């Protein structure tokens, strides 16, 4: 989906980190509402065997967020 089709004010990035012999994934989400901007950190459920699998899992959720297919509430409940 192109950037022009995204709901206004939804951006973010995927962050992965090593945790012992596994990888974890987290999202940093920015939501703009007029002049106000809020940043949220959401854990992506699961432990991943490799860095690429952790990044892919986080990127999938991030794409849903950017496209407006999921709400912040839904992401928090998944966490």
PDB file of N, CA and C in Angstrom:
ATOM      1  N   UNK A   1       0.849  -1.176   0.000  1.00  0.00           N
ATOM      2  CA  UNK A   1       0.000   0.000   0.000  1.00  0.00           C
ATOM      3  C   UNK A   1       0.886   1.227   0.000  1.00  0.00           C
ATOM      4  N   UNK A   2       0.589   2.151  -0.864  1.00  0.00           N
ATOM      5  CA  UNK A   2       1.381   3.366  -0.944  1.00  0.00           C
ATOM      6  C   UNK A   2       1.133   4.295   0.214  1.00  0.00           C
ATOM      7  N   UNK A   3       2.095   5.158   0.454  1.00  0.00           N
ATOM      8  CA  UNK A   3       2.024   6.122   1.558  1.00  0.00           C
ATOM      9  C   UNK A   3       0.794   7.016   1.441  1.00  0.00           C
ATOM     10  N   UNK A   4       0.384   7.349   0.228  1.00  0.00           N
ATOM     11  CA  UNK A   4      -0.749   8.257   0.043  1.00  0.00           C
ATOM     12  C   UNK A   4      -2.063   7.647   0.502  1.00  0.00           C
ATOM     13  N   UNK A   5      -2.147   6.313   0.631  1.00  0.00           N
ATOM     14  CA  UNK A   5      -3.376   5.650   1.037  1.00  0.00           C
ATOM     15  C   UNK A   5      -3.479   5.421   2.544  1.00  0.00           C
ATOM     16  N   UNK A   6      -2.456   5.796   3.290  1.00  0.00           N
ATOM     17  CA  UNK A   6      -2.464   5.596   4.737  1.00  0.00           C
ATOM     18  C   UNK A   6      -3.374   6.601   5.421  1.00  0.00           C
ATOM     19  N   UNK A   7      -4.020   6.166   6.525  1.00  0.00           N
ATOM     20  CA  UNK A   7      -4.767   7.148   7.312  1.00  0.00           C
ATOM     21  C   UNK A   7      -3.809   8.217   7.817  1.00  0.00           C
ATOM     22  N   UNK A   8      -4.247   9.444   7.831  1.00  0.00           N
ATOM     23  CA  UNK A   8      -3.383  10.539   8.259  1.00  0.00           C
ATOM     24  C   UNK A   8      -3.019  10.370   9.722  1.00  0.00           C
ATOM     25  N   UNK A   9      -1.762  10.656  10.033  1.00  0.00           N
ATOM     26  CA  UNK A   9      -1.318  10.686  11.411  1.00  0.00           C
ATOM     27  C   UNK A   9      -0.887   9.365  12.004  1.00  0.00           C
ATOM     28  N   UNK A  10      -0.762   8.318  11.208  1.00  0.00           N
ATOM     29  CA  UNK A  10      -0.322   7.015  11.734  1.00  0.00           C
ATOM     30  C   UNK A  10       1.028   6.651  11.151  1.00  0.00           C
ATOM     31  N   UNK A  11       2.029   6.627  11.998  1.00  0.00           N
ATOM     32  CA  UNK A  11       3.372   6.220  11.598  1.00  0.00           C
ATOM     33  C   UNK A  11       3.941   5.327  12.691  1.00  0.00           C
ATOM     34  N   UNK A  12       5.076   4.761  12.435  1.00  0.00           N
ATOM     35  CA  UNK A  12       5.702   3.930  13.455  1.00  0.00           C
ATOM     36  C   UNK A  12       6.905   3.211  12.899  1.00  0.00           C
ATOM     37  N   UNK A  13       7.504   2.406  13.768  1.00  0.00           N
ATOM     38  CA  UNK A  13       8.648   1.611  13.335  1.00  0.00           C
ATOM     39  C   UNK A  13       8.729   0.350  14.162  1.00  0.00           C
ATOM     40  N   UNK A  14       9.341  -0.670  13.582  1.00  0.00           N
ATOM     41  CA  UNK A  14       9.544  -1.944  14.250  1.00  0.00           C
ATOM     42  C   UNK A  14      10.923  -1.938  14.908  1.00  0.00           C
ATOM     43  N   UNK A  15      10.995  -2.471  16.116  1.00  0.00           N
ATOM     44  CA  UNK A  15      12.253  -2.567  16.850  1.00  0.00           C
ATOM     45  C   UNK A  15      12.401  -4.007  17.319  1.00  0.00           C
ATOM     46  N   UNK A  16      13.514  -4.638  16.991  1.00  0.00           N
ATOM     47  CA  UNK A  16      13.774  -5.997  17.459  1.00  0.00           C
ATOM     48  C   UNK A  16      14.994  -5.992  18.371  1.00  0.00           C
ATOM     49  N   UNK A  17      15.005  -6.933  19.303  1.00  0.00           N
ATOM     50  CA  UNK A  17      16.112  -7.006  20.257  1.00  0.00           C
ATOM     51  C   UNK A  17      16.389  -8.461  20.608  1.00  0.00           C
ATOM     52  N   UNK A  18      17.658  -8.721  20.863  1.00  0.00           N
ATOM     53  CA  UNK A  18      18.090 -10.064  21.270  1.00  0.00           C
ATOM     54  C   UNK A  18      17.763 -10.247  22.745  1.00  0.00           C
ATOM     55  N   UNK A  19      17.200 -11.408  23.069  1.00  0.00           N
ATOM     56  CA  UNK A  19      16.906 -11.775  24.459  1.00  0.00           C
ATOM     57  C   UNK A  19      17.393 -13.210  24.658  1.00  0.00           C
ATOM     58  N   UNK A  20      18.590 -13.337  25.182  1.00  0.00           N
ATOM     59  CA  UNK A  20      19.251 -14.643  25.311  1.00  0.00           C
ATOM     60  C   UNK A  20      19.408 -15.271  23.932  1.00  0.00           C
ATOM     61  N   UNK A  21      18.796 -16.448  23.709  1.00  0.00           N
ATOM     62  CA  UNK A  21      18.945 -17.116  22.416  1.00  0.00           C
ATOM     63  C   UNK A  21      17.756 -16.867  21.491  1.00  0.00           C
ATOM     64  N   UNK A  22      16.881 -15.941  21.855  1.00  0.00           N
ATOM     65  CA  UNK A  22      15.697 -15.611  21.074  1.00  0.00           C
ATOM     66  C   UNK A  22      15.684 -14.124  20.724  1.00  0.00           C
ATOM     67  N   UNK A  23      14.696 -13.719  19.947  1.00  0.00           N
ATOM     68  CA  UNK A  23      14.500 -12.325  19.568  1.00  0.00           C
ATOM     69  C   UNK A  23      13.101 -11.889  19.975  1.00  0.00           C
ATOM     70  N   UNK A  24      12.986 -10.636  20.368  1.00  0.00           N
ATOM     71  CA  UNK A  24      11.684 -10.054  20.678  1.00  0.00           C
ATOM     72  C   UNK A  24      11.434  -8.897  19.710  1.00  0.00           C
ATOM     73  N   UNK A  25      10.158  -8.542  19.580  1.00  0.00           N
ATOM     74  CA  UNK A  25       9.793  -7.450  18.673  1.00  0.00           C
ATOM     75  C   UNK A  25       8.887  -6.471  19.396  1.00  0.00           C
ATOM     76  N   UNK A  26       9.042  -5.226  19.053  1.00  0.00           N
ATOM     77  CA  UNK A  26       8.259  -4.153  19.660  1.00  0.00           C
ATOM     78  C   UNK A  26       7.933  -3.134  18.571  1.00  0.00           C
ATOM     79  N   UNK A  27       6.823  -2.438  18.752  1.00  0.00           N
ATOM     80  CA  UNK A  27       6.445  -1.371  17.837  1.00  0.00           C
ATOM     81  C   UNK A  27       6.492  -0.050  18.565  1.00  0.00           C
ATOM     82  N   UNK A  28       6.995   0.957  17.902  1.00  0.00           N
ATOM     83  CA  UNK A  28       6.889   2.340  18.374  1.00  0.00           C
ATOM     84  C   UNK A  28       5.910   3.011  17.428  1.00  0.00           C
ATOM     85  N   UNK A  29       4.740   3.360  17.940  1.00  0.00           N
ATOM     86  CA  UNK A  29       3.673   3.913  17.117  1.00  0.00           C
ATOM     87  C   UNK A  29       3.460   5.379  17.437  1.00  0.00           C
ATOM     88  N   UNK A  30       3.340   6.183  16.402  1.00  0.00           N
ATOM     89  CA  UNK A  30       3.028   7.602  16.548  1.00  0.00           C
ATOM     90  C   UNK A  30       1.647   7.843  15.962  1.00  0.00           C
ATOM     91  N   UNK A  31       0.818   8.520  16.734  1.00  0.00           N
ATOM     92  CA  UNK A  31      -0.521   8.863  16.258  1.00  0.00           C
ATOM     93  C   UNK A  31      -0.724  10.354  16.439  1.00  0.00           C
ATOM     94  N   UNK A  32      -0.976  11.029  15.338  1.00  0.00           N
ATOM     95  CA  UNK A  32      -1.201  12.477  15.372  1.00  0.00           C
ATOM     96  C   UNK A  32      -2.695  12.745  15.320  1.00  0.00           C
ATOM     97  N   UNK A  33      -3.095  13.663  16.195  1.00  0.00           N
ATOM     98  CA  UNK A  33      -4.482  14.097  16.242  1.00  0.00           C
ATOM     99  C   UNK A  33      -4.448  15.616  16.270  1.00  0.00           C
ATOM    100  N   UNK A  34      -4.520  16.228  15.099  1.00  0.00           N
ATOM    101  CA  UNK A  34      -4.374  17.676  15.024  1.00  0.00           C
ATOM    102  C   UNK A  34      -2.960  18.073  15.384  1.00  0.00           C
ATOM    103  N   UNK A  35      -2.819  18.924  16.380  1.00  0.00           N
ATOM    104  CA  UNK A  35      -1.502  19.397  16.830  1.00  0.00           C
ATOM    105  C   UNK A  35      -0.837  18.431  17.804  1.00  0.00           C
ATOM    106  N   UNK A  36      -1.612  17.505  18.346  1.00  0.00           N
ATOM    107  CA  UNK A  36      -1.100  16.602  19.387  1.00  0.00           C
ATOM    108  C   UNK A  36      -0.575  15.301  18.778  1.00  0.00           C
ATOM    109  N   UNK A  37       0.565  14.844  19.292  1.00  0.00           N
ATOM    110  CA  UNK A  37       1.156  13.591  18.844  1.00  0.00           C
ATOM    111  C   UNK A  37       1.382  12.702  20.065  1.00  0.00           C
ATOM    112  N   UNK A  38       0.949  11.449  19.947  1.00  0.00           N
ATOM    113  CA  UNK A  38       1.154  10.482  21.025  1.00  0.00           C
ATOM    114  C   UNK A  38       2.025   9.350  20.506  1.00  0.00           C
ATOM    115  N   UNK A  39       2.936   8.869  21.356  1.00  0.00           N
ATOM    116  CA  UNK A  39       3.798   7.739  20.999  1.00  0.00           C
ATOM    117  C   UNK A  39       3.499   6.588  21.948  1.00  0.00           C
ATOM    118  N   UNK A  40       3.362   5.421  21.362  1.00  0.00           N
ATOM    119  CA  UNK A  40       3.065   4.212  22.128  1.00  0.00           C
ATOM    120  C   UNK A  40       4.110   3.162  21.816  1.00  0.00           C
ATOM    121  N   UNK A  41       4.429   2.351  22.816  1.00  0.00           N
ATOM    122  CA  UNK A  41       5.305   1.181  22.623  1.00  0.00           C
ATOM    123  C   UNK A  41       4.470  -0.051  22.898  1.00  0.00           C
ATOM    124  N   UNK A  42       4.420  -0.919  21.924  1.00  0.00           N
ATOM    125  CA  UNK A  42       3.601  -2.121  22.005  1.00  0.00           C
ATOM    126  C   UNK A  42       4.498  -3.334  21.751  1.00  0.00           C
ATOM    127  N   UNK A  43       4.423  -4.324  22.621  1.00  0.00           N
ATOM    128  CA  UNK A  43       5.154  -5.568  22.394  1.00  0.00           C
ATOM    129  C   UNK A  43       4.402  -6.426  21.393  1.00  0.00           C
ATOM    130  N   UNK A  44       5.129  -7.017  20.463  1.00  0.00           N
ATOM    131  CA  UNK A  44       4.544  -7.983  19.541  1.00  0.00           C
ATOM    132  C   UNK A  44       4.653  -9.338  20.241  1.00  0.00           C
ATOM    133  N   UNK A  45       3.516 -10.027  20.440  1.00  0.00           N
ATOM    134  CA  UNK A  45       3.561 -11.293  21.179  1.00  0.00           C
ATOM    135  C   UNK A  45       4.475 -12.316  20.510  1.00  0.00           C
ATOM    136  N   UNK A  46       5.219 -13.043  21.332  1.00  0.00           N
ATOM    137  CA  UNK A  46       6.048 -14.137  20.855  1.00  0.00           C
ATOM    138  C   UNK A  46       7.529 -13.890  21.047  1.00  0.00           C
ATOM    139  N   UNK A  47       8.249 -14.991  21.027  1.00  0.00           N
ATOM    140  CA  UNK A  47       9.708 -14.978  20.991  1.00  0.00           C
ATOM    141  C   UNK A  47      10.090 -15.624  19.675  1.00  0.00           C
ATOM    142  N   UNK A  48      11.056 -15.059  18.998  1.00  0.00           N
ATOM    143  CA  UNK A  48      11.369 -15.470  17.650  1.00  0.00           C
ATOM    144  C   UNK A  48      12.782 -16.036  17.588  1.00  0.00           C
ATOM    145  N   UNK A  49      12.962 -17.050  16.755  1.00  0.00           N
ATOM    146  CA  UNK A  49      14.250 -17.741  16.675  1.00  0.00           C
ATOM    147  C   UNK A  49      15.317 -16.908  15.980  1.00  0.00           C
ATOM    148  N   UNK A  50      14.908 -16.057  15.050  1.00  0.00           N
ATOM    149  CA  UNK A  50      15.885 -15.262  14.304  1.00  0.00           C
ATOM    150  C   UNK A  50      15.452 -13.803  14.250  1.00  0.00           C
ATOM    151  N   UNK A  51      16.407 -12.946  13.982  1.00  0.00           N
ATOM    152  CA  UNK A  51      16.105 -11.520  13.845  1.00  0.00           C
ATOM    153  C   UNK A  51      15.141 -11.252  12.687  1.00  0.00           C
ATOM    154  N   UNK A  52      15.345 -11.879  11.520  1.00  0.00           N
ATOM    155  CA  UNK A  52      14.407 -11.625  10.413  1.00  0.00           C
ATOM    156  C   UNK A  52      12.962 -12.031  10.729  1.00  0.00           C
ATOM    157  N   UNK A  53      12.765 -13.146  11.447  1.00  0.00           N
ATOM    158  CA  UNK A  53      11.390 -13.545  11.759  1.00  0.00           C
ATOM    159  C   UNK A  53      10.750 -12.571  12.742  1.00  0.00           C
ATOM    160  N   UNK A  54      11.523 -12.051  13.681  1.00  0.00           N
ATOM    161  CA  UNK A  54      11.007 -11.047  14.611  1.00  0.00           C
ATOM    162  C   UNK A  54      10.630  -9.785  13.854  1.00  0.00           C
ATOM    163  N   UNK A  55      11.483  -9.363  12.944  1.00  0.00           N
ATOM    164  CA  UNK A  55      11.218  -8.155  12.170  1.00  0.00           C
ATOM    165  C   UNK A  55       9.995  -8.338  11.267  1.00  0.00           C
ATOM    166  N   UNK A  56       9.863  -9.491  10.651  1.00  0.00           N
ATOM    167  CA  UNK A  56       8.711  -9.755   9.781  1.00  0.00           C
ATOM    168  C   UNK A  56       7.404  -9.712  10.569  1.00  0.00           C
ATOM    169  N   UNK A  57       7.396 -10.301  11.759  1.00  0.00           N
ATOM    170  CA  UNK A  57       6.189 -10.296  12.586  1.00  0.00           C
ATOM    171  C   UNK A  57       5.803  -8.874  12.973  1.00  0.00           C
ATOM    172  N   UNK A  58       6.785  -8.085  13.369  1.00  0.00           N
ATOM    173  CA  UNK A  58       6.517  -6.702  13.752  1.00  0.00           C
ATOM    174  C   UNK A  58       6.078  -5.872  12.550  1.00  0.00           C
ATOM    175  N   UNK A  59       6.705  -6.087  11.411  1.00  0.00           N
ATOM    176  CA  UNK A  59       6.378  -5.319  10.207  1.00  0.00           C
ATOM    177  C   UNK A  59       4.953  -5.595   9.759  1.00  0.00           C
ATOM    178  N   UNK A  60       4.497  -6.833   9.896  1.00  0.00           N
ATOM    179  CA  UNK A  60       3.121  -7.182   9.519  1.00  0.00           C
ATOM    180  C   UNK A  60       2.126  -6.377  10.356  1.00  0.00           C
ATOM    181  N   UNK A  61       2.343  -6.334  11.654  1.00  0.00           N
ATOM    182  CA  UNK A  61       1.452  -5.585  12.544  1.00  0.00           C
ATOM    183  C   UNK A  61       1.556  -4.084  12.252  1.00  0.00           C
ATOM    184  N   UNK A  62       2.757  -3.604  12.016  1.00  0.00           N
ATOM    185  CA  UNK A  62       2.956  -2.190  11.702  1.00  0.00           C
ATOM    186  C   UNK A  62       2.217  -1.801  10.425  1.00  0.00           C
ATOM    187  N   UNK A  63       2.262  -2.655   9.418  1.00  0.00           N
ATOM    188  CA  UNK A  63       1.550  -2.374   8.169  1.00  0.00           C
ATOM    189  C   UNK A  63       0.039  -2.291   8.399  1.00  0.00           C
ATOM    190  N   UNK A  64      -0.490  -3.173   9.251  1.00  0.00           N
ATOM    191  CA  UNK A  64      -1.918  -3.123   9.596  1.00  0.00           C
ATOM    192  C   UNK A  64      -2.252  -1.798  10.275  1.00  0.00           C
ATOM    193  N   UNK A  65      -1.386  -1.361  11.181  1.00  0.00           N
ATOM    194  CA  UNK A  65      -1.583  -0.099  11.894  1.00  0.00           C
ATOM    195  C   UNK A  65      -1.590   1.082  10.911  1.00  0.00           C
ATOM    196  N   UNK A  66      -0.582   1.127  10.072  1.00  0.00           N
ATOM    197  CA  UNK A  66      -0.470   2.227   9.120  1.00  0.00           C
ATOM    198  C   UNK A  66      -1.664   2.283   8.168  1.00  0.00           C
ATOM    199  N   UNK A  67      -2.181   1.113   7.792  1.00  0.00           N
ATOM    200  CA  UNK A  67      -3.300   1.052   6.847  1.00  0.00           C
ATOM    201  C   UNK A  67      -4.647   1.310   7.521  1.00  0.00           C
ATOM    202  N   UNK A  68      -4.650   1.428   8.839  1.00  0.00           N
ATOM    203  CA  UNK A  68      -5.904   1.664   9.547  1.00  0.00           C
ATOM    204  C   UNK A  68      -6.735   0.403   9.715  1.00  0.00           C
ATOM    205  N   UNK A  69      -6.118  -0.761   9.578  1.00  0.00           N
ATOM    206  CA  UNK A  69      -6.826  -2.033   9.696  1.00  0.00           C
ATOM    207  C   UNK A  69      -6.928  -2.526  11.133  1.00  0.00           C
ATOM    208  N   UNK A  70      -6.226  -1.881  12.040  1.00  0.00           N
ATOM    209  CA  UNK A  70      -6.276  -2.265  13.442  1.00  0.00           C
ATOM    210  C   UNK A  70      -6.242  -1.006  14.295  1.00  0.00           C
ATOM    211  N   UNK A  71      -6.787  -1.110  15.488  1.00  0.00           N
ATOM    212  CA  UNK A  71      -6.813   0.033  16.397  1.00  0.00           C
ATOM    213  C   UNK A  71      -5.770  -0.152  17.487  1.00  0.00           C
ATOM    214  N   UNK A  72      -5.480   0.919  18.175  1.00  0.00           N
ATOM    215  CA  UNK A  72      -4.554   0.849  19.295  1.00  0.00           C
ATOM    216  C   UNK A  72      -5.084  -0.108  20.357  1.00  0.00           C
ATOM    217  N   UNK A  73      -6.362  -0.051  20.602  1.00  0.00           N
ATOM    218  CA  UNK A  73      -6.998  -0.942  21.593  1.00  0.00           C
ATOM    219  C   UNK A  73      -6.752  -2.402  21.236  1.00  0.00           C
ATOM    220  N   UNK A  74      -6.936  -2.758  19.967  1.00  0.00           N
ATOM    221  CA  UNK A  74      -6.712  -4.137  19.527  1.00  0.00           C
ATOM    222  C   UNK A  74      -5.263  -4.558  19.739  1.00  0.00           C
ATOM    223  N   UNK A  75      -4.348  -3.659  19.452  1.00  0.00           N
ATOM    224  CA  UNK A  75      -2.930  -3.984  19.632  1.00  0.00           C
ATOM    225  C   UNK A  75      -2.586  -4.179  21.098  1.00  0.00           C
ATOM    226  N   UNK A  76      -3.142  -3.357  21.968  1.00  0.00           N
ATOM    227  CA  UNK A  76      -2.892  -3.497  23.399  1.00  0.00           C
ATOM    228  C   UNK A  76      -3.478  -4.816  23.900  1.00  0.00           C
ATOM    229  N   UNK A  77      -4.648  -5.184  23.429  1.00  0.00           N
ATOM    230  CA  UNK A  77      -5.253  -6.447  23.848  1.00  0.00           C
ATOM    231  C   UNK A  77      -4.444  -7.655  23.361  1.00  0.00           C
ATOM    232  N   UNK A  78      -3.826  -7.562  22.190  1.00  0.00           N
ATOM    233  CA  UNK A  78      -2.951  -8.641  21.701  1.00  0.00           C
ATOM    234  C   UNK A  78      -1.728  -8.798  22.587  1.00  0.00           C
ATOM    235  N   UNK A  79      -1.262  -7.674  23.096  1.00  0.00           N
ATOM    236  CA  UNK A  79      -0.033  -7.643  23.890  1.00  0.00           C
ATOM    237  C   UNK A  79      -0.224  -8.481  25.133  1.00  0.00           C
TER     238      UNK A  79
END
